[in-house]
Protein backbone atom coordinates (compact mmCIF):
# COMPACT_ATOMS: atom_id res chain seq x y z
CA MET A 1 78.53 149.64 118.77
CA ASN A 2 81.05 151.69 117.43
CA ASP A 3 83.49 150.51 120.46
CA PHE A 4 83.10 146.90 119.65
CA GLU A 5 86.70 145.74 119.13
CA SER A 6 86.11 142.76 116.91
CA VAL A 7 84.53 139.17 117.02
CA GLU A 8 87.71 137.66 117.63
CA SER A 9 88.50 139.51 120.93
CA SER A 10 85.00 139.06 121.95
CA LEU A 11 85.13 135.21 121.28
CA LYS A 12 88.66 134.89 123.15
CA ASN A 13 87.57 137.15 126.21
CA HIS A 14 84.24 135.48 126.77
CA LEU A 15 84.65 131.72 125.94
CA PRO A 16 86.41 129.12 127.97
CA GLU A 17 89.70 128.16 126.35
CA GLY A 18 89.30 124.82 125.06
CA GLU A 19 85.81 126.24 123.69
CA TYR A 20 87.35 128.98 121.92
CA GLU A 21 89.67 126.96 120.29
CA GLN A 22 87.09 124.60 118.56
CA VAL A 23 84.92 127.79 117.67
CA ARG A 24 87.84 129.67 116.23
CA ARG A 25 88.95 126.42 114.03
CA ILE A 26 85.53 126.40 112.63
CA LEU A 27 85.36 130.11 111.69
CA TYR A 28 89.15 130.74 110.76
CA GLY A 29 90.68 127.15 109.79
CA LYS A 30 94.23 126.32 110.62
CA ASP A 31 95.64 128.01 113.59
CA CYS A 32 98.44 130.97 112.29
CA LYS A 33 101.37 131.90 114.25
CA GLU A 34 102.10 135.40 115.89
CA LEU A 35 105.08 137.08 114.71
CA ASN A 36 107.24 138.90 116.84
CA LEU A 37 108.16 142.29 114.69
CA VAL A 38 109.83 144.40 117.72
CA ASP A 39 111.12 147.16 115.35
CA ALA A 40 107.51 147.38 113.60
CA GLU A 41 105.93 147.32 116.73
CA LYS A 42 107.85 150.23 118.18
CA ILE A 43 106.88 152.37 115.56
CA ALA A 44 103.33 151.53 115.97
CA ALA A 45 103.32 151.98 119.49
CA SER A 46 105.07 155.67 119.33
CA ASN A 47 102.38 156.68 116.50
CA ASP A 48 99.35 155.06 118.17
CA PHE A 49 98.37 152.75 115.55
CA GLU A 50 97.71 148.80 115.73
CA ILE A 51 99.79 146.18 114.26
CA LYS A 52 99.15 142.30 114.04
CA ALA A 53 101.41 139.98 112.32
CA PHE A 54 101.03 136.27 111.69
CA SER A 55 102.83 133.33 109.93
CA MET A 56 100.45 130.91 107.80
CA VAL A 57 103.42 129.04 106.67
CA GLU A 58 103.46 126.32 109.26
CA ASN A 59 100.26 124.86 107.31
CA VAL A 60 102.14 124.55 103.94
CA SER A 61 103.86 121.01 103.37
CA LYS A 62 107.09 121.29 102.53
CA GLU A 63 108.09 119.89 98.72
CA GLN A 64 110.79 118.04 97.22
CA SER A 65 111.00 120.17 94.07
CA ARG A 66 110.28 123.56 94.93
CA SER A 67 111.63 125.50 97.60
CA ARG A 68 109.39 127.59 99.91
CA ASN A 69 108.21 130.59 98.19
CA ILE A 70 107.52 132.88 101.06
CA VAL A 71 105.96 136.51 100.76
CA ARG A 72 104.84 139.04 103.55
CA ILE A 73 101.78 140.62 102.97
CA GLY A 74 100.88 144.02 104.42
CA LEU A 75 97.28 145.75 104.56
CA ILE A 76 96.74 149.22 105.88
CA GLN A 77 93.42 150.74 107.11
CA ASN A 78 93.21 154.01 108.28
CA LYS A 79 90.92 156.98 109.01
CA ILE A 80 91.35 160.65 107.64
CA HIS A 81 93.33 163.14 109.53
CA ALA A 82 92.15 166.56 108.77
CA ASP A 83 88.47 168.20 108.63
CA THR A 84 86.77 167.52 105.46
CA SER A 85 86.44 171.52 105.06
CA ALA A 86 90.10 171.96 105.10
CA PRO A 87 92.13 172.96 101.94
CA ILE A 88 92.39 169.72 99.67
CA GLN A 89 96.43 169.85 99.96
CA ASP A 90 96.13 169.79 103.90
CA GLN A 91 93.49 166.96 103.88
CA PHE A 92 96.25 164.68 101.48
CA MET A 93 99.19 166.05 103.34
CA ALA A 94 97.50 164.79 106.62
CA ILE A 95 96.73 161.47 105.74
CA TYR A 96 100.06 160.90 103.71
CA SER A 97 101.96 161.88 106.93
CA ARG A 98 100.35 159.38 108.83
CA ILE A 99 100.23 156.70 106.12
CA GLU A 100 104.05 157.30 106.00
CA LYS A 101 104.55 156.07 109.38
CA MET A 102 102.55 153.29 108.67
CA ILE A 103 104.55 152.24 105.80
CA ASP A 104 107.69 152.74 108.20
CA ALA A 105 106.61 150.13 110.66
CA ALA A 106 105.37 147.96 107.24
CA GLY A 107 109.25 148.25 106.09
CA ALA A 108 110.63 147.61 109.48
CA ALA A 109 108.28 144.28 109.30
CA GLY A 110 109.63 143.26 106.45
CA VAL A 111 106.68 143.57 104.04
CA ASN A 112 106.76 142.52 100.52
CA VAL A 113 103.63 143.51 98.98
CA LEU A 114 101.54 146.28 100.72
CA CYS A 115 98.01 147.19 99.61
CA LEU A 116 96.21 150.69 100.93
CA GLN A 117 92.85 151.11 101.29
CA GLU A 118 90.57 152.58 98.49
CA ALA A 119 90.88 156.27 97.53
CA TRP A 120 93.48 156.38 100.49
CA THR A 121 94.30 159.78 99.60
CA MET A 122 90.99 161.47 100.59
CA PRO A 123 87.81 161.19 102.45
CA PHE A 124 85.07 158.73 100.90
CA ALA A 125 83.18 161.98 99.49
CA PHE A 126 81.28 160.06 96.67
CA CYS A 127 78.28 160.00 98.70
CA THR A 128 77.84 163.64 98.69
CA ARG A 129 77.52 163.91 95.01
CA GLU A 130 79.40 167.28 94.74
CA LYS A 131 81.84 167.71 92.18
CA GLN A 132 83.57 170.54 94.14
CA PRO A 133 85.99 170.45 95.79
CA TRP A 134 86.36 166.70 95.94
CA MET A 135 87.58 166.40 92.15
CA GLU A 136 90.68 168.35 92.99
CA PHE A 137 91.79 165.05 94.88
CA ALA A 138 92.02 163.23 91.27
CA GLU A 139 95.41 162.88 90.15
CA CYS A 140 97.60 161.17 87.30
CA ALA A 141 98.17 157.71 87.96
CA GLN A 142 101.61 157.66 86.76
CA THR A 143 102.61 161.41 87.69
CA GLY A 144 100.58 162.33 90.51
CA GLN A 145 101.85 163.24 93.94
CA SER A 146 100.94 160.09 95.67
CA THR A 147 102.50 158.06 93.03
CA LYS A 148 105.73 160.03 93.51
CA LEU A 149 105.90 159.75 97.28
CA LEU A 150 104.89 156.31 97.63
CA SER A 151 107.65 155.61 94.64
CA GLU A 152 110.49 156.83 97.00
CA LEU A 153 109.12 154.39 100.00
CA ALA A 154 108.66 151.04 97.65
CA LYS A 155 112.33 151.80 96.80
CA LYS A 156 113.71 152.47 100.14
CA TYR A 157 112.04 149.15 101.49
CA ASN A 158 112.26 147.03 98.29
CA MET A 159 108.52 146.77 98.38
CA VAL A 160 105.48 146.71 96.19
CA ILE A 161 103.10 149.21 96.77
CA VAL A 162 99.23 149.06 95.59
CA SER A 163 98.10 152.75 96.05
CA PRO A 164 94.30 153.07 95.26
CA ILE A 165 93.53 156.57 94.09
CA LEU A 166 91.23 158.86 92.24
CA GLU A 167 92.71 159.09 89.05
CA ARG A 168 92.25 162.17 86.33
CA ASP A 169 93.29 160.55 82.85
CA HIS A 170 94.97 163.52 81.06
CA LEU A 171 95.28 161.91 77.93
CA HIS A 172 91.27 160.99 77.26
CA GLY A 173 89.69 164.20 78.40
CA ASP A 174 90.49 164.48 81.86
CA THR A 175 87.90 161.97 82.93
CA ILE A 176 87.76 160.57 86.26
CA TRP A 177 88.54 156.71 87.26
CA ASN A 178 88.72 154.72 90.44
CA THR A 179 91.94 153.35 90.10
CA ALA A 180 94.86 151.17 91.80
CA VAL A 181 98.27 151.97 91.00
CA VAL A 182 100.88 149.47 91.17
CA ILE A 183 104.57 150.75 92.04
CA SER A 184 107.21 148.02 91.87
CA ASN A 185 109.74 147.33 94.32
CA GLU A 186 112.38 149.29 92.54
CA GLY A 187 110.18 152.83 92.78
CA LYS A 188 108.65 152.28 89.45
CA TYR A 189 105.42 152.86 88.34
CA LEU A 190 104.24 149.36 86.88
CA GLY A 191 100.64 149.66 85.91
CA LYS A 192 97.07 150.53 86.99
CA SER A 193 93.84 148.39 87.38
CA ARG A 194 90.30 150.73 87.38
CA LYS A 195 87.30 149.50 89.43
CA ASN A 196 85.37 147.13 87.48
CA HIS A 197 81.95 147.44 89.28
CA ILE A 198 80.67 150.78 90.45
CA PRO A 199 77.77 150.96 93.38
CA ARG A 200 74.69 152.51 92.99
CA VAL A 201 73.47 151.58 96.81
CA GLY A 202 72.22 154.07 99.20
CA ASP A 203 74.89 156.72 100.14
CA PHE A 204 77.37 155.07 97.59
CA ASN A 205 76.30 157.07 94.45
CA GLU A 206 79.82 156.68 93.02
CA ALA A 207 78.31 156.80 89.34
CA THR A 208 78.22 160.56 89.48
CA TYR A 209 81.95 160.65 89.45
CA TYR A 210 83.36 157.82 87.26
CA MET A 211 81.89 154.67 85.13
CA GLU A 212 82.88 151.12 85.12
CA GLY A 213 86.53 150.46 84.58
CA ASP A 214 88.15 149.65 81.17
CA THR A 215 91.17 147.59 82.06
CA GLY A 216 89.60 144.37 82.40
CA HIS A 217 91.08 141.95 84.85
CA THR A 218 94.83 142.83 84.73
CA VAL A 219 97.40 140.53 86.83
CA PHE A 220 101.04 142.38 87.60
CA ASP A 221 103.95 140.02 87.55
CA THR A 222 105.98 141.48 90.92
CA ALA A 223 109.16 140.53 92.52
CA PHE A 224 106.91 138.71 94.93
CA GLY A 225 104.23 136.91 93.12
CA LYS A 226 101.27 137.81 90.87
CA ILE A 227 98.75 140.38 91.95
CA ALA A 228 95.62 141.67 91.10
CA ILE A 229 93.21 144.39 92.69
CA ASN A 230 89.66 143.68 92.82
CA ILE A 231 88.36 147.06 94.39
CA CYS A 232 85.35 147.29 96.67
CA TYR A 233 82.22 146.70 95.44
CA GLY A 234 83.68 144.10 92.83
CA ARG A 235 83.90 141.48 95.58
CA HIS A 236 80.28 141.03 95.49
CA HIS A 237 80.65 139.75 92.10
CA PRO A 238 82.28 136.19 91.89
CA LEU A 239 82.99 136.16 88.40
CA ASN A 240 85.10 139.45 89.02
CA TRP A 241 87.35 137.55 91.34
CA GLN A 242 87.21 134.42 89.45
CA ALA A 243 88.64 136.41 85.92
CA TYR A 244 91.69 137.45 88.16
CA ALA A 245 92.53 134.07 89.14
CA LEU A 246 92.25 132.56 85.72
CA ASN A 247 94.66 135.56 84.28
CA GLY A 248 97.31 133.84 87.22
CA ALA A 249 96.66 136.14 90.26
CA GLU A 250 98.23 134.46 92.97
CA ILE A 251 97.18 137.22 95.73
CA ILE A 252 93.94 139.28 95.04
CA PHE A 253 93.49 142.51 96.99
CA ASN A 254 90.21 144.05 97.75
CA PRO A 255 90.66 147.82 98.96
CA SER A 256 87.49 148.96 100.12
CA ALA A 257 85.48 151.47 101.66
CA THR A 258 82.32 150.26 103.27
CA VAL A 259 80.01 150.87 106.75
CA GLY A 260 78.56 148.47 109.05
CA ALA A 261 74.90 149.28 108.83
CA LEU A 262 75.22 148.06 104.82
CA SER A 263 77.94 144.92 104.09
CA GLU A 264 79.54 143.80 107.62
CA PRO A 265 77.51 140.81 107.61
CA MET A 266 79.21 140.08 104.16
CA TRP A 267 82.60 141.09 104.82
CA ALA A 268 84.11 138.30 106.45
CA ILE A 269 82.49 135.59 104.09
CA GLU A 270 83.03 137.43 100.42
CA GLY A 271 87.08 137.53 100.78
CA ARG A 272 87.31 134.23 102.24
CA ASN A 273 84.90 132.50 99.85
CA ALA A 274 87.03 133.90 96.74
CA ALA A 275 90.22 132.71 98.41
CA ILE A 276 88.81 129.25 98.48
CA ALA A 277 86.86 128.90 95.28
CA ASN A 278 89.47 130.39 93.09
CA GLY A 279 92.78 128.73 95.00
CA VAL A 280 94.29 132.29 95.65
CA PHE A 281 95.25 134.62 98.56
CA THR A 282 93.23 137.67 99.30
CA GLY A 283 93.86 140.72 101.13
CA ASN A 284 90.74 142.42 102.17
CA ILE A 285 91.01 146.13 103.43
CA ASN A 286 88.29 148.38 104.89
CA ARG A 287 88.92 152.01 106.50
CA VAL A 288 87.85 153.16 109.80
CA GLY A 289 86.25 156.23 111.51
CA THR A 290 83.27 158.31 110.66
CA GLU A 291 83.69 160.97 107.93
CA THR A 292 81.61 164.10 108.44
CA PHE A 293 81.20 166.62 105.31
CA PRO A 294 80.06 170.41 104.87
CA ASN A 295 76.86 169.82 103.50
CA GLU A 296 74.13 167.45 104.13
CA PHE A 297 73.01 164.86 101.44
CA THR A 298 70.57 162.23 101.03
CA SER A 299 70.69 158.43 100.07
CA ALA A 300 67.40 158.27 97.86
CA ASN A 301 66.04 155.98 100.38
CA GLY A 302 63.41 157.90 102.21
CA GLN A 303 65.66 158.70 105.27
CA PRO A 304 66.52 162.11 106.19
CA ALA A 305 69.38 164.38 105.08
CA HIS A 306 72.61 163.56 106.78
CA LYS A 307 76.30 164.73 106.88
CA ASP A 308 77.81 161.46 107.45
CA PHE A 309 76.88 157.95 106.57
CA GLY A 310 78.36 155.88 109.83
CA PRO A 311 81.33 154.54 110.43
CA PHE A 312 83.56 152.26 108.41
CA TYR A 313 84.32 149.36 110.20
CA GLY A 314 87.75 148.38 109.45
CA SER A 315 88.24 144.51 110.01
CA SER A 316 90.92 144.06 107.48
CA TYR A 317 92.08 140.41 107.04
CA VAL A 318 93.90 137.96 104.98
CA ALA A 319 92.41 134.86 103.49
CA CYS A 320 94.26 131.78 102.51
CA PRO A 321 93.11 129.14 99.46
CA ASP A 322 93.08 126.30 102.22
CA ALA A 323 89.96 128.42 104.02
CA SER A 324 92.13 129.43 106.76
CA ARG A 325 92.13 133.31 107.47
CA THR A 326 94.07 135.58 109.90
CA PRO A 327 92.71 137.38 112.81
CA ALA A 328 91.46 140.78 111.57
CA LEU A 329 92.49 144.27 112.55
CA SER A 330 90.21 146.23 115.06
CA ARG A 331 86.65 147.72 113.69
CA THR A 332 87.76 151.02 115.21
CA LYS A 333 91.40 151.56 115.29
CA GLU A 334 94.10 152.42 112.60
CA GLY A 335 96.36 149.29 111.73
CA LEU A 336 98.91 147.25 110.02
CA LEU A 337 98.24 143.80 109.19
CA VAL A 338 101.30 141.74 108.29
CA THR A 339 100.88 138.10 107.21
CA GLU A 340 103.30 135.68 106.35
CA VAL A 341 102.30 133.16 103.46
CA ASP A 342 104.05 130.58 101.06
CA LEU A 343 102.66 130.87 97.69
CA ASN A 344 103.12 127.10 97.37
CA LEU A 345 99.88 126.61 99.14
CA ILE A 346 98.08 127.31 96.05
CA ARG A 347 99.17 124.54 93.82
CA GLN A 348 98.70 122.31 96.86
CA ILE A 349 95.32 123.22 97.41
CA ARG A 350 94.56 123.08 93.76
CA ASP A 351 96.08 119.52 93.51
CA PHE A 352 94.05 118.65 96.59
CA TRP A 353 90.97 119.63 95.64
CA THR A 354 90.92 119.76 92.10
CA LEU A 355 88.41 122.94 91.85
CA ARG A 356 90.41 124.55 88.63
CA MET A 357 90.44 120.82 87.11
CA THR A 358 86.77 120.21 87.57
CA ALA A 359 85.35 123.47 86.51
CA ARG A 360 83.22 123.56 83.54
CA LEU A 361 84.25 126.83 81.94
CA ASP A 362 83.15 125.55 78.66
CA MET A 363 79.61 125.28 80.28
CA TYR A 364 79.67 128.46 81.93
CA ALA A 365 80.87 130.27 78.94
CA ASP A 366 77.57 129.07 76.71
CA VAL A 367 75.60 130.35 79.69
CA LEU A 368 77.15 133.74 79.87
CA ALA A 369 76.96 134.07 75.93
CA ASN A 370 73.19 132.93 75.82
CA VAL A 371 72.51 135.34 78.63
CA THR A 372 74.14 138.14 76.77
CA SER A 373 72.42 137.55 73.74
CA LYS A 374 69.20 139.68 72.60
CA ASP A 375 67.09 136.53 72.29
CA PHE A 376 67.76 134.94 75.67
CA LYS A 377 65.63 132.94 77.36
CA PRO A 378 65.97 131.29 80.61
CA LYS A 379 66.56 127.41 80.46
CA ILE A 380 63.51 126.28 82.45
CA ILE A 381 61.46 123.30 82.11
CA LYS A 382 57.82 123.89 83.44
CA GLN A 383 55.67 121.21 84.96
């Protein structure tokens, strides 16, 4: 199963052309145009990673009162590039050397806003529940080496970069957080957003390392639109997406690390549904590869101890508020997805469906207030 490339390629290879177009329309909405990015494709080919590029702009109506608001979104999915028993700095630099080439391709592709995968600087070692050596990957969000290195690339390519890392908060007792750092297109630290929801599922024992974030639903007003970061497990919570949208987000990124046996049937649904329900664009990123650790660990689910928890399945994609979405990157290969969108689509879709206008936020607020009260009783009428 690990060599299964993607749902899209399987459908295209095995369905008659006319039938494929109908299936694609039902599954992925309006068609998207492939972009020809010669320079970026050369970088990808010489460095052996996948690049896919699409434009969703033709699906957006031209307006009389507003000019186009074109933004190119970039998503990167990658694997680790050094053994997990190697020295920490060697592991980091092996990944960074790879990411640097992929960001070069994003720069050549004219990407405006780029998001990396969850905890991109390290293997997803939280499954082990070991503190050493994994805590040594943690760094200051503002002055850490990953922020410094990416700041140079952000400035070089006039690109906003979202960098999800393991954060060490030196101001508050060296506490650890799962954090996305936002670097402006001028190469400056803009701020950070911490993971709101921490899984306690199977091998994902992340509460050993950090707790729920305290930055709320921060939105960053960048040179290329208002962005927010809903890190990994937060995608399972519809209200988490909604809160970012209510705060004004136009693009919500979901940098993740998730394996096929756990969540793959949910993956293509959640990010797309969030885009539809909230009238926003979503960028959904998952890493690839299988990461094997020096020591065995257990999942507290009765299964034998193991040194890996299966392959990450990639499949990164962008979803739009009109229910259309891009084809996904590979399930197995590293890659860069470039998607050209028109942010004007957000208001056009909100005008058409009026989901924001017809939402009963006042009623929902009452329900939530009641549910969180100590004397809560479900509103159920029994026969």
